Amino acid sequence: MPVRPPRICSCGKVVASGERCACQVVRDRERKARFDKTRPNARQRGYTRDWDKARAEFLAGNPICRYCPAPANVADHIKPHRGDMRLFWSRSNWQPLCTRCHSSIKQSRERHL
């Protein structure tokens, strides 16, 4: 299987195929920190005690992950609600997922929206 050659980062360093330059890691960390400063906390976004109860009830009725046969432990919003509380509480917009599928499949699909 062919291996891609190393590339030159914008900072001038040679970076092996499939790896990230240290300057990119630092830049991403700084960008995420700036975003986190402006992002409301979970409770402000609607994840309150009422959500915890509704989530537990939903997962009790839907115990299996939508993508694999693992037990579901995340009540995920199919369409991101982005602060729309009507969409947030719409149970037709919820799906049961395991942590692995939520962190991989779902996040990958959401990036392409």
PDB file of N, CA and C in Angstrom:
ATOM      1  N   MET A   1       0.845  -1.159   0.000  1.00  0.00           N
ATOM      2  CA  MET A   1       0.000   0.000   0.000  1.00  0.00           C
ATOM      3  C   MET A   1       0.906   1.243   0.000  1.00  0.00           C
ATOM      4  N   PRO A   2       0.684   2.160  -0.950  1.00  0.00           N
ATOM      5  CA  PRO A   2       1.555   3.327  -1.037  1.00  0.00           C
ATOM      6  C   PRO A   2       1.350   4.277   0.152  1.00  0.00           C
ATOM      7  N   VAL A   3       2.429   4.911   0.541  1.00  0.00           N
ATOM      8  CA  VAL A   3       2.405   5.877   1.628  1.00  0.00           C
ATOM      9  C   VAL A   3       2.581   7.261   1.030  1.00  0.00           C
ATOM     10  N   ARG A   4       1.763   8.189   1.491  1.00  0.00           N
ATOM     11  CA  ARG A   4       1.869   9.548   0.976  1.00  0.00           C
ATOM     12  C   ARG A   4       3.156  10.188   1.486  1.00  0.00           C
ATOM     13  N   PRO A   5       3.761  11.027   0.678  1.00  0.00           N
ATOM     14  CA  PRO A   5       5.001  11.671   1.109  1.00  0.00           C
ATOM     15  C   PRO A   5       4.722  12.733   2.180  1.00  0.00           C
ATOM     16  N   PRO A   6       5.763  13.133   2.923  1.00  0.00           N
ATOM     17  CA  PRO A   6       5.566  14.187   3.910  1.00  0.00           C
ATOM     18  C   PRO A   6       5.198  15.495   3.210  1.00  0.00           C
ATOM     19  N   ARG A   7       4.611  16.403   3.975  1.00  0.00           N
ATOM     20  CA  ARG A   7       4.229  17.696   3.411  1.00  0.00           C
ATOM     21  C   ARG A   7       4.920  18.803   4.190  1.00  0.00           C
ATOM     22  N   ILE A   8       4.896  19.985   3.628  1.00  0.00           N
ATOM     23  CA  ILE A   8       5.487  21.137   4.304  1.00  0.00           C
ATOM     24  C   ILE A   8       4.347  21.989   4.856  1.00  0.00           C
ATOM     25  N   CYS A   9       4.389  22.229   6.162  1.00  0.00           N
ATOM     26  CA  CYS A   9       3.373  23.024   6.837  1.00  0.00           C
ATOM     27  C   CYS A   9       3.562  24.499   6.471  1.00  0.00           C
ATOM     28  N   SER A  10       2.541  25.290   6.712  1.00  0.00           N
ATOM     29  CA  SER A  10       2.635  26.718   6.416  1.00  0.00           C
ATOM     30  C   SER A  10       3.705  27.405   7.257  1.00  0.00           C
ATOM     31  N   CYS A  11       4.108  26.800   8.384  1.00  0.00           N
ATOM     32  CA  CYS A  11       5.165  27.373   9.221  1.00  0.00           C
ATOM     33  C   CYS A  11       6.548  26.993   8.702  1.00  0.00           C
ATOM     34  N   GLY A  12       6.603  26.083   7.709  1.00  0.00           N
ATOM     35  CA  GLY A  12       7.876  25.697   7.098  1.00  0.00           C
ATOM     36  C   GLY A  12       8.414  24.359   7.550  1.00  0.00           C
ATOM     37  N   LYS A  13       7.809  23.723   8.535  1.00  0.00           N
ATOM     38  CA  LYS A  13       8.290  22.435   9.025  1.00  0.00           C
ATOM     39  C   LYS A  13       7.789  21.301   8.137  1.00  0.00           C
ATOM     40  N   VAL A  14       8.585  20.242   8.049  1.00  0.00           N
ATOM     41  CA  VAL A  14       8.190  19.049   7.312  1.00  0.00           C
ATOM     42  C   VAL A  14       7.370  18.168   8.264  1.00  0.00           C
ATOM     43  N   VAL A  15       6.186  17.748   7.788  1.00  0.00           N
ATOM     44  CA  VAL A  15       5.269  16.969   8.618  1.00  0.00           C
ATOM     45  C   VAL A  15       4.992  15.640   7.928  1.00  0.00           C
ATOM     46  N   ALA A  16       5.131  14.545   8.668  1.00  0.00           N
ATOM     47  CA  ALA A  16       4.902  13.215   8.113  1.00  0.00           C
ATOM     48  C   ALA A  16       3.438  13.051   7.712  1.00  0.00           C
ATOM     49  N   SER A  17       3.206  12.196   6.756  1.00  0.00           N
ATOM     50  CA  SER A  17       1.858  11.917   6.274  1.00  0.00           C
ATOM     51  C   SER A  17       0.976  11.414   7.411  1.00  0.00           C
ATOM     52  N   GLY A  18      -0.228  11.974   7.514  1.00  0.00           N
ATOM     53  CA  GLY A  18      -1.171  11.542   8.533  1.00  0.00           C
ATOM     54  C   GLY A  18      -0.954  12.183   9.889  1.00  0.00           C
ATOM     55  N   GLU A  19       0.042  13.041  10.027  1.00  0.00           N
ATOM     56  CA  GLU A  19       0.297  13.709  11.300  1.00  0.00           C
ATOM     57  C   GLU A  19      -0.003  15.186  11.168  1.00  0.00           C
ATOM     58  N   ARG A  20      -0.080  15.859  12.312  1.00  0.00           N
ATOM     59  CA  ARG A  20      -0.358  17.302  12.322  1.00  0.00           C
ATOM     60  C   ARG A  20       0.842  18.021  12.910  1.00  0.00           C
ATOM     61  N   CYS A  21       1.116  19.179  12.378  1.00  0.00           N
ATOM     62  CA  CYS A  21       2.218  19.997  12.862  1.00  0.00           C
ATOM     63  C   CYS A  21       1.842  20.567  14.232  1.00  0.00           C
ATOM     64  N   ALA A  22       2.837  20.775  15.075  1.00  0.00           N
ATOM     65  CA  ALA A  22       2.599  21.328  16.411  1.00  0.00           C
ATOM     66  C   ALA A  22       1.937  22.698  16.333  1.00  0.00           C
ATOM     67  N   CYS A  23       2.267  23.484  15.320  1.00  0.00           N
ATOM     68  CA  CYS A  23       1.656  24.812  15.199  1.00  0.00           C
ATOM     69  C   CYS A  23       0.154  24.693  14.915  1.00  0.00           C
ATOM     70  N   GLN A  24      -0.259  23.665  14.172  1.00  0.00           N
ATOM     71  CA  GLN A  24      -1.686  23.451  13.903  1.00  0.00           C
ATOM     72  C   GLN A  24      -2.422  23.055  15.174  1.00  0.00           C
ATOM     73  N   VAL A  25      -1.808  22.218  15.989  1.00  0.00           N
ATOM     74  CA  VAL A  25      -2.411  21.783  17.244  1.00  0.00           C
ATOM     75  C   VAL A  25      -2.622  22.989  18.156  1.00  0.00           C
ATOM     76  N   VAL A  26      -1.607  23.850  18.264  1.00  0.00           N
ATOM     77  CA  VAL A  26      -1.702  25.050  19.101  1.00  0.00           C
ATOM     78  C   VAL A  26      -2.790  25.980  18.572  1.00  0.00           C
ATOM     79  N   ARG A  27      -2.819  26.195  17.262  1.00  0.00           N
ATOM     80  CA  ARG A  27      -3.816  27.073  16.643  1.00  0.00           C
ATOM     81  C   ARG A  27      -5.239  26.552  16.892  1.00  0.00           C
ATOM     82  N   ASP A  28      -5.443  25.242  16.762  1.00  0.00           N
ATOM     83  CA  ASP A  28      -6.764  24.654  17.011  1.00  0.00           C
ATOM     84  C   ASP A  28      -7.160  24.798  18.480  1.00  0.00           C
ATOM     85  N   ARG A  29      -6.222  24.585  19.377  1.00  0.00           N
ATOM     86  CA  ARG A  29      -6.497  24.710  20.805  1.00  0.00           C
ATOM     87  C   ARG A  29      -6.914  26.146  21.140  1.00  0.00           C
ATOM     88  N   GLU A  30      -6.232  27.129  20.561  1.00  0.00           N
ATOM     89  CA  GLU A  30      -6.566  28.535  20.802  1.00  0.00           C
ATOM     90  C   GLU A  30      -7.936  28.886  20.227  1.00  0.00           C
ATOM     91  N   ARG A  31      -8.231  28.370  19.030  1.00  0.00           N
ATOM     92  CA  ARG A  31      -9.525  28.625  18.395  1.00  0.00           C
ATOM     93  C   ARG A  31     -10.665  28.050  19.237  1.00  0.00           C
ATOM     94  N   LYS A  32     -10.484  26.834  19.734  1.00  0.00           N
ATOM     95  CA  LYS A  32     -11.511  26.204  20.568  1.00  0.00           C
ATOM     96  C   LYS A  32     -11.694  26.954  21.887  1.00  0.00           C
ATOM     97  N   ALA A  33     -10.604  27.465  22.455  1.00  0.00           N
ATOM     98  CA  ALA A  33     -10.697  28.227  23.709  1.00  0.00           C
ATOM     99  C   ALA A  33     -11.480  29.518  23.485  1.00  0.00           C
ATOM    100  N   ARG A  34     -11.245  30.185  22.335  1.00  0.00           N
ATOM    101  CA  ARG A  34     -12.004  31.410  22.028  1.00  0.00           C
ATOM    102  C   ARG A  34     -13.483  31.106  21.874  1.00  0.00           C
ATOM    103  N   PHE A  35     -13.812  30.008  21.218  1.00  0.00           N
ATOM    104  CA  PHE A  35     -15.211  29.612  21.037  1.00  0.00           C
ATOM    105  C   PHE A  35     -15.860  29.291  22.383  1.00  0.00           C
ATOM    106  N   ASP A  36     -15.159  28.558  23.233  1.00  0.00           N
ATOM    107  CA  ASP A  36     -15.715  28.163  24.532  1.00  0.00           C
ATOM    108  C   ASP A  36     -16.013  29.359  25.421  1.00  0.00           C
ATOM    109  N   LYS A  37     -15.284  30.445  25.275  1.00  0.00           N
ATOM    110  CA  LYS A  37     -15.533  31.644  26.085  1.00  0.00           C
ATOM    111  C   LYS A  37     -16.885  32.269  25.751  1.00  0.00           C
ATOM    112  N   THR A  38     -17.328  32.137  24.510  1.00  0.00           N
ATOM    113  CA  THR A  38     -18.588  32.755  24.089  1.00  0.00           C
ATOM    114  C   THR A  38     -19.766  31.786  24.152  1.00  0.00           C
ATOM    115  N   ARG A  39     -19.496  30.500  24.307  1.00  0.00           N
ATOM    116  CA  ARG A  39     -20.556  29.499  24.301  1.00  0.00           C
ATOM    117  C   ARG A  39     -21.261  29.444  25.651  1.00  0.00           C
ATOM    118  N   PRO A  40     -22.596  29.445  25.647  1.00  0.00           N
ATOM    119  CA  PRO A  40     -23.326  29.301  26.917  1.00  0.00           C
ATOM    120  C   PRO A  40     -23.070  27.920  27.523  1.00  0.00           C
ATOM    121  N   ASN A  41     -23.187  27.814  28.845  1.00  0.00           N
ATOM    122  CA  ASN A  41     -22.965  26.515  29.466  1.00  0.00           C
ATOM    123  C   ASN A  41     -24.161  25.596  29.172  1.00  0.00           C
ATOM    124  N   ALA A  42     -24.034  24.340  29.565  1.00  0.00           N
ATOM    125  CA  ALA A  42     -25.049  23.332  29.241  1.00  0.00           C
ATOM    126  C   ALA A  42     -26.429  23.705  29.773  1.00  0.00           C
ATOM    127  N   ARG A  43     -26.501  24.181  31.003  1.00  0.00           N
ATOM    128  CA  ARG A  43     -27.792  24.552  31.583  1.00  0.00           C
ATOM    129  C   ARG A  43     -28.424  25.710  30.814  1.00  0.00           C
ATOM    130  N   GLN A  44     -27.610  26.662  30.378  1.00  0.00           N
ATOM    131  CA  GLN A  44     -28.131  27.786  29.601  1.00  0.00           C
ATOM    132  C   GLN A  44     -28.610  27.341  28.221  1.00  0.00           C
ATOM    133  N   ARG A  45     -28.062  26.243  27.714  1.00  0.00           N
ATOM    134  CA  ARG A  45     -28.483  25.720  26.414  1.00  0.00           C
ATOM    135  C   ARG A  45     -29.708  24.820  26.512  1.00  0.00           C
ATOM    136  N   GLY A  46     -30.240  24.599  27.726  1.00  0.00           N
ATOM    137  CA  GLY A  46     -31.467  23.836  27.870  1.00  0.00           C
ATOM    138  C   GLY A  46     -31.320  22.489  28.542  1.00  0.00           C
ATOM    139  N   TYR A  47     -30.102  22.074  28.852  1.00  0.00           N
ATOM    140  CA  TYR A  47     -29.884  20.764  29.455  1.00  0.00           C
ATOM    141  C   TYR A  47     -30.049  20.877  30.982  1.00  0.00           C
ATOM    142  N   THR A  48     -31.308  20.967  31.402  1.00  0.00           N
ATOM    143  CA  THR A  48     -31.669  21.167  32.801  1.00  0.00           C
ATOM    144  C   THR A  48     -32.105  19.848  33.435  1.00  0.00           C
ATOM    145  N   ARG A  49     -32.604  19.923  34.654  1.00  0.00           N
ATOM    146  CA  ARG A  49     -33.116  18.746  35.345  1.00  0.00           C
ATOM    147  C   ARG A  49     -34.283  18.146  34.562  1.00  0.00           C
ATOM    148  N   ASP A  50     -35.110  19.008  33.954  1.00  0.00           N
ATOM    149  CA  ASP A  50     -36.228  18.501  33.133  1.00  0.00           C
ATOM    150  C   ASP A  50     -35.702  17.681  31.959  1.00  0.00           C
ATOM    151  N   TRP A  51     -34.611  18.147  31.347  1.00  0.00           N
ATOM    152  CA  TRP A  51     -34.000  17.394  30.246  1.00  0.00           C
ATOM    153  C   TRP A  51     -33.494  16.048  30.756  1.00  0.00           C
ATOM    154  N   ASP A  52     -32.841  16.058  31.913  1.00  0.00           N
ATOM    155  CA  ASP A  52     -32.305  14.809  32.466  1.00  0.00           C
ATOM    156  C   ASP A  52     -33.412  13.777  32.668  1.00  0.00           C
ATOM    157  N   LYS A  53     -34.559  14.227  33.155  1.00  0.00           N
ATOM    158  CA  LYS A  53     -35.692  13.313  33.355  1.00  0.00           C
ATOM    159  C   LYS A  53     -36.236  12.806  32.031  1.00  0.00           C
ATOM    160  N   ALA A  54     -36.437  13.713  31.068  1.00  0.00           N
ATOM    161  CA  ALA A  54     -36.976  13.327  29.763  1.00  0.00           C
ATOM    162  C   ALA A  54     -36.007  12.392  29.037  1.00  0.00           C
ATOM    163  N   ARG A  55     -34.723  12.668  29.146  1.00  0.00           N
ATOM    164  CA  ARG A  55     -33.689  11.844  28.519  1.00  0.00           C
ATOM    165  C   ARG A  55     -33.720  10.427  29.098  1.00  0.00           C
ATOM    166  N   ALA A  56     -33.782  10.316  30.428  1.00  0.00           N
ATOM    167  CA  ALA A  56     -33.817   9.001  31.082  1.00  0.00           C
ATOM    168  C   ALA A  56     -35.053   8.219  30.651  1.00  0.00           C
ATOM    169  N   GLU A  57     -36.185   8.895  30.583  1.00  0.00           N
ATOM    170  CA  GLU A  57     -37.433   8.252  30.151  1.00  0.00           C
ATOM    171  C   GLU A  57     -37.322   7.782  28.700  1.00  0.00           C
ATOM    172  N   PHE A  58     -36.763   8.622  27.844  1.00  0.00           N
ATOM    173  CA  PHE A  58     -36.599   8.281  26.429  1.00  0.00           C
ATOM    174  C   PHE A  58     -35.679   7.068  26.260  1.00  0.00           C
ATOM    175  N   LEU A  59     -34.557   7.064  26.982  1.00  0.00           N
ATOM    176  CA  LEU A  59     -33.609   5.949  26.858  1.00  0.00           C
ATOM    177  C   LEU A  59     -34.164   4.662  27.454  1.00  0.00           C
ATOM    178  N   ALA A  60     -35.034   4.768  28.447  1.00  0.00           N
ATOM    179  CA  ALA A  60     -35.670   3.570  29.005  1.00  0.00           C
ATOM    180  C   ALA A  60     -36.573   2.921  27.955  1.00  0.00           C
ATOM    181  N   GLY A  61     -37.224   3.726  27.145  1.00  0.00           N
ATOM    182  CA  GLY A  61     -38.097   3.205  26.089  1.00  0.00           C
ATOM    183  C   GLY A  61     -37.366   2.867  24.801  1.00  0.00           C
ATOM    184  N   ASN A  62     -36.130   3.361  24.657  1.00  0.00           N
ATOM    185  CA  ASN A  62     -35.315   3.125  23.455  1.00  0.00           C
ATOM    186  C   ASN A  62     -33.907   2.732  23.900  1.00  0.00           C
ATOM    187  N   PRO A  63     -33.730   1.495  24.378  1.00  0.00           N
ATOM    188  CA  PRO A  63     -32.461   1.119  25.005  1.00  0.00           C
ATOM    189  C   PRO A  63     -31.317   0.747  24.057  1.00  0.00           C
ATOM    190  N   ILE A  64     -31.582   0.619  22.756  1.00  0.00           N
ATOM    191  CA  ILE A  64     -30.553   0.172  21.812  1.00  0.00           C
ATOM    192  C   ILE A  64     -30.152   1.315  20.878  1.00  0.00           C
ATOM    193  N   CYS A  65     -28.852   1.432  20.622  1.00  0.00           N
ATOM    194  CA  CYS A  65     -28.303   2.456  19.729  1.00  0.00           C
ATOM    195  C   CYS A  65     -28.903   2.311  18.329  1.00  0.00           C
ATOM    196  N   ARG A  66     -29.155   3.436  17.699  1.00  0.00           N
ATOM    197  CA  ARG A  66     -29.734   3.424  16.353  1.00  0.00           C
ATOM    198  C   ARG A  66     -28.766   2.851  15.315  1.00  0.00           C
ATOM    199  N   TYR A  67     -27.459   2.999  15.516  1.00  0.00           N
ATOM    200  CA  TYR A  67     -26.474   2.592  14.514  1.00  0.00           C
ATOM    201  C   TYR A  67     -25.836   1.229  14.772  1.00  0.00           C
ATOM    202  N   CYS A  68     -25.839   0.759  16.020  1.00  0.00           N
ATOM    203  CA  CYS A  68     -25.199  -0.521  16.324  1.00  0.00           C
ATOM    204  C   CYS A  68     -26.011  -1.213  17.429  1.00  0.00           C
ATOM    205  N   PRO A  69     -25.717  -2.460  17.753  1.00  0.00           N
ATOM    206  CA  PRO A  69     -26.506  -3.173  18.769  1.00  0.00           C
ATOM    207  C   PRO A  69     -26.103  -2.867  20.216  1.00  0.00           C
ATOM    208  N   ALA A  70     -25.287  -1.860  20.450  1.00  0.00           N
ATOM    209  CA  ALA A  70     -24.847  -1.523  21.809  1.00  0.00           C
ATOM    210  C   ALA A  70     -25.970  -0.832  22.594  1.00  0.00           C
ATOM    211  N   PRO A  71     -25.903  -0.873  23.911  1.00  0.00           N
ATOM    212  CA  PRO A  71     -26.892  -0.148  24.724  1.00  0.00           C
ATOM    213  C   PRO A  71     -26.742   1.359  24.510  1.00  0.00           C
ATOM    214  N   ALA A  72     -27.856   2.037  24.367  1.00  0.00           N
ATOM    215  CA  ALA A  72     -27.839   3.495  24.163  1.00  0.00           C
ATOM    216  C   ALA A  72     -27.700   4.195  25.507  1.00  0.00           C
ATOM    217  N   ASN A  73     -26.869   5.225  25.535  1.00  0.00           N
ATOM    218  CA  ASN A  73     -26.747   6.032  26.749  1.00  0.00           C
ATOM    219  C   ASN A  73     -26.733   7.524  26.438  1.00  0.00           C
ATOM    220  N   VAL A  74     -27.026   7.879  25.178  1.00  0.00           N
ATOM    221  CA  VAL A  74     -27.093   9.289  24.763  1.00  0.00           C
ATOM    222  C   VAL A  74     -28.410   9.509  24.029  1.00  0.00           C
ATOM    223  N   ALA A  75     -29.163  10.503  24.474  1.00  0.00           N
ATOM    224  CA  ALA A  75     -30.357  10.920  23.734  1.00  0.00           C
ATOM    225  C   ALA A  75     -29.903  12.080  22.852  1.00  0.00           C
ATOM    226  N   ASP A  76     -29.744  11.798  21.580  1.00  0.00           N
ATOM    227  CA  ASP A  76     -29.170  12.756  20.643  1.00  0.00           C
ATOM    228  C   ASP A  76     -30.253  13.475  19.854  1.00  0.00           C
ATOM    229  N   HIS A  77     -29.993  14.739  19.523  1.00  0.00           N
ATOM    230  CA  HIS A  77     -30.890  15.483  18.645  1.00  0.00           C
ATOM    231  C   HIS A  77     -30.481  15.185  17.209  1.00  0.00           C
ATOM    232  N   ILE A  78     -31.386  14.626  16.418  1.00  0.00           N
ATOM    233  CA  ILE A  78     -31.095  14.270  15.034  1.00  0.00           C
ATOM    234  C   ILE A  78     -30.685  15.514  14.258  1.00  0.00           C
ATOM    235  N   LYS A  79     -31.546  16.515  14.307  1.00  0.00           N
ATOM    236  CA  LYS A  79     -31.229  17.805  13.681  1.00  0.00           C
ATOM    237  C   LYS A  79     -30.762  18.728  14.805  1.00  0.00           C
ATOM    238  N   PRO A  80     -29.572  19.316  14.708  1.00  0.00           N
ATOM    239  CA  PRO A  80     -29.099  20.196  15.778  1.00  0.00           C
ATOM    240  C   PRO A  80     -30.103  21.311  16.057  1.00  0.00           C
ATOM    241  N   HIS A  81     -30.420  21.521  17.329  1.00  0.00           N
ATOM    242  CA  HIS A  81     -31.467  22.498  17.668  1.00  0.00           C
ATOM    243  C   HIS A  81     -30.960  23.931  17.645  1.00  0.00           C
ATOM    244  N   ARG A  82     -29.672  24.145  17.857  1.00  0.00           N
ATOM    245  CA  ARG A  82     -29.057  25.474  17.803  1.00  0.00           C
ATOM    246  C   ARG A  82     -29.841  26.533  18.578  1.00  0.00           C
ATOM    247  N   GLY A  83     -30.341  26.145  19.755  1.00  0.00           N
ATOM    248  CA  GLY A  83     -31.045  27.074  20.621  1.00  0.00           C
ATOM    249  C   GLY A  83     -32.547  27.139  20.417  1.00  0.00           C
ATOM    250  N   ASP A  84     -33.083  26.466  19.409  1.00  0.00           N
ATOM    251  CA  ASP A  84     -34.523  26.450  19.153  1.00  0.00           C
ATOM    252  C   ASP A  84     -35.159  25.466  20.137  1.00  0.00           C
ATOM    253  N   MET A  85     -35.805  25.984  21.175  1.00  0.00           N
ATOM    254  CA  MET A  85     -36.353  25.136  22.230  1.00  0.00           C
ATOM    255  C   MET A  85     -37.498  24.252  21.745  1.00  0.00           C
ATOM    256  N   ARG A  86     -38.219  24.667  20.716  1.00  0.00           N
ATOM    257  CA  ARG A  86     -39.281  23.807  20.175  1.00  0.00           C
ATOM    258  C   ARG A  86     -38.654  22.554  19.556  1.00  0.00           C
ATOM    259  N   LEU A  87     -37.586  22.736  18.814  1.00  0.00           N
ATOM    260  CA  LEU A  87     -36.882  21.607  18.211  1.00  0.00           C
ATOM    261  C   LEU A  87     -36.154  20.798  19.300  1.00  0.00           C
ATOM    262  N   PHE A  88     -35.634  21.469  20.298  1.00  0.00           N
ATOM    263  CA  PHE A  88     -34.941  20.819  21.403  1.00  0.00           C
ATOM    264  C   PHE A  88     -35.845  19.803  22.098  1.00  0.00           C
ATOM    265  N   TRP A  89     -37.107  20.163  22.369  1.00  0.00           N
ATOM    266  CA  TRP A  89     -38.026  19.295  23.105  1.00  0.00           C
ATOM    267  C   TRP A  89     -38.845  18.366  22.214  1.00  0.00           C
ATOM    268  N   SER A  90     -38.711  18.476  20.901  1.00  0.00           N
ATOM    269  CA  SER A  90     -39.465  17.614  19.989  1.00  0.00           C
ATOM    270  C   SER A  90     -38.902  16.187  20.034  1.00  0.00           C
ATOM    271  N   ARG A  91     -39.648  15.264  20.601  1.00  0.00           N
ATOM    272  CA  ARG A  91     -39.167  13.881  20.723  1.00  0.00           C
ATOM    273  C   ARG A  91     -38.973  13.205  19.369  1.00  0.00           C
ATOM    274  N   SER A  92     -39.644  13.689  18.349  1.00  0.00           N
ATOM    275  CA  SER A  92     -39.426  13.114  17.012  1.00  0.00           C
ATOM    276  C   SER A  92     -38.036  13.480  16.484  1.00  0.00           C
ATOM    277  N   ASN A  93     -37.367  14.412  17.144  1.00  0.00           N
ATOM    278  CA  ASN A  93     -36.020  14.828  16.758  1.00  0.00           C
ATOM    279  C   ASN A  93     -34.951  14.143  17.616  1.00  0.00           C
ATOM    280  N   TRP A  94     -35.336  13.213  18.465  1.00  0.00           N
ATOM    281  CA  TRP A  94     -34.388  12.514  19.339  1.00  0.00           C
ATOM    282  C   TRP A  94     -34.095  11.127  18.786  1.00  0.00           C
ATOM    283  N   GLN A  95     -32.885  10.661  19.037  1.00  0.00           N
ATOM    284  CA  GLN A  95     -32.525   9.293  18.671  1.00  0.00           C
ATOM    285  C   GLN A  95     -31.607   8.720  19.751  1.00  0.00           C
ATOM    286  N   PRO A  96     -31.740   7.418  20.034  1.00  0.00           N
ATOM    287  CA  PRO A  96     -30.872   6.791  21.027  1.00  0.00           C
ATOM    288  C   PRO A  96     -29.540   6.391  20.381  1.00  0.00           C
ATOM    289  N   LEU A  97     -28.429   6.778  21.010  1.00  0.00           N
ATOM    290  CA  LEU A  97     -27.108   6.419  20.509  1.00  0.00           C
ATOM    291  C   LEU A  97     -26.221   5.955  21.654  1.00  0.00           C
ATOM    292  N   CYS A  98     -25.248   5.123  21.334  1.00  0.00           N
ATOM    293  CA  CYS A  98     -24.213   4.799  22.310  1.00  0.00           C
ATOM    294  C   CYS A  98     -23.154   5.911  22.213  1.00  0.00           C
ATOM    295  N   THR A  99     -22.312   6.020  23.192  1.00  0.00           N
ATOM    296  CA  THR A  99     -21.312   7.088  23.203  1.00  0.00           C
ATOM    297  C   THR A  99     -20.387   6.977  21.998  1.00  0.00           C
ATOM    298  N   ARG A 100     -19.999   5.765  21.649  1.00  0.00           N
ATOM    299  CA  ARG A 100     -19.079   5.564  20.526  1.00  0.00           C
ATOM    300  C   ARG A 100     -19.670   6.087  19.222  1.00  0.00           C
ATOM    301  N   CYS A 101     -20.912   5.750  18.929  1.00  0.00           N
ATOM    302  CA  CYS A 101     -21.552   6.209  17.689  1.00  0.00           C
ATOM    303  C   CYS A 101     -21.804   7.715  17.730  1.00  0.00           C
ATOM    304  N   HIS A 102     -22.171   8.233  18.895  1.00  0.00           N
ATOM    305  CA  HIS A 102     -22.405   9.678  19.012  1.00  0.00           C
ATOM    306  C   HIS A 102     -21.118  10.452  18.771  1.00  0.00           C
ATOM    307  N   SER A 103     -20.003   9.925  19.255  1.00  0.00           N
ATOM    308  CA  SER A 103     -18.728  10.627  19.128  1.00  0.00           C
ATOM    309  C   SER A 103     -18.060  10.418  17.780  1.00  0.00           C
ATOM    310  N   SER A 104     -18.503   9.452  17.009  1.00  0.00           N
ATOM    311  CA  SER A 104     -17.852   9.211  15.719  1.00  0.00           C
ATOM    312  C   SER A 104     -18.814   9.436  14.559  1.00  0.00           C
ATOM    313  N   ILE A 105     -19.757   8.531  14.365  1.00  0.00           N
ATOM    314  CA  ILE A 105     -20.658   8.595  13.214  1.00  0.00           C
ATOM    315  C   ILE A 105     -21.451   9.897  13.198  1.00  0.00           C
ATOM    316  N   LYS A 106     -22.091  10.207  14.305  1.00  0.00           N
ATOM    317  CA  LYS A 106     -22.970  11.377  14.366  1.00  0.00           C
ATOM    318  C   LYS A 106     -22.184  12.677  14.174  1.00  0.00           C
ATOM    319  N   GLN A 107     -21.041  12.800  14.839  1.00  0.00           N
ATOM    320  CA  GLN A 107     -20.256  14.025  14.730  1.00  0.00           C
ATOM    321  C   GLN A 107     -19.712  14.187  13.310  1.00  0.00           C
ATOM    322  N   SER A 108     -19.333  13.102  12.694  1.00  0.00           N
ATOM    323  CA  SER A 108     -18.851  13.157  11.309  1.00  0.00           C
ATOM    324  C   SER A 108     -19.950  13.640  10.369  1.00  0.00           C
ATOM    325  N   ARG A 109     -21.154  13.108  10.530  1.00  0.00           N
ATOM    326  CA  ARG A 109     -22.278  13.526   9.686  1.00  0.00           C
ATOM    327  C   ARG A 109     -22.647  14.981   9.924  1.00  0.00           C
ATOM    328  N   GLU A 110     -22.568  15.429  11.171  1.00  0.00           N
ATOM    329  CA  GLU A 110     -22.926  16.803  11.505  1.00  0.00           C
ATOM    330  C   GLU A 110     -21.945  17.800  10.914  1.00  0.00           C
ATOM    331  N   ARG A 111     -20.679  17.423  10.813  1.00  0.00           N
ATOM    332  CA  ARG A 111     -19.673  18.312  10.223  1.00  0.00           C
ATOM    333  C   ARG A 111     -19.969  18.601   8.764  1.00  0.00           C
ATOM    334  N   HIS A 112     -20.659  17.683   8.095  1.00  0.00           N
ATOM    335  CA  HIS A 112     -20.941  17.838   6.662  1.00  0.00           C
ATOM    336  C   HIS A 112     -22.263  18.527   6.384  1.00  0.00           C
ATOM    337  N   LEU A 113     -22.968  18.973   7.419  1.00  0.00           N
ATOM    338  CA  LEU A 113     -24.244  19.674   7.217  1.00  0.00           C
ATOM    339  C   LEU A 113     -24.029  21.114   6.810  1.00  0.00           C
TER     340      LEU A 113
END
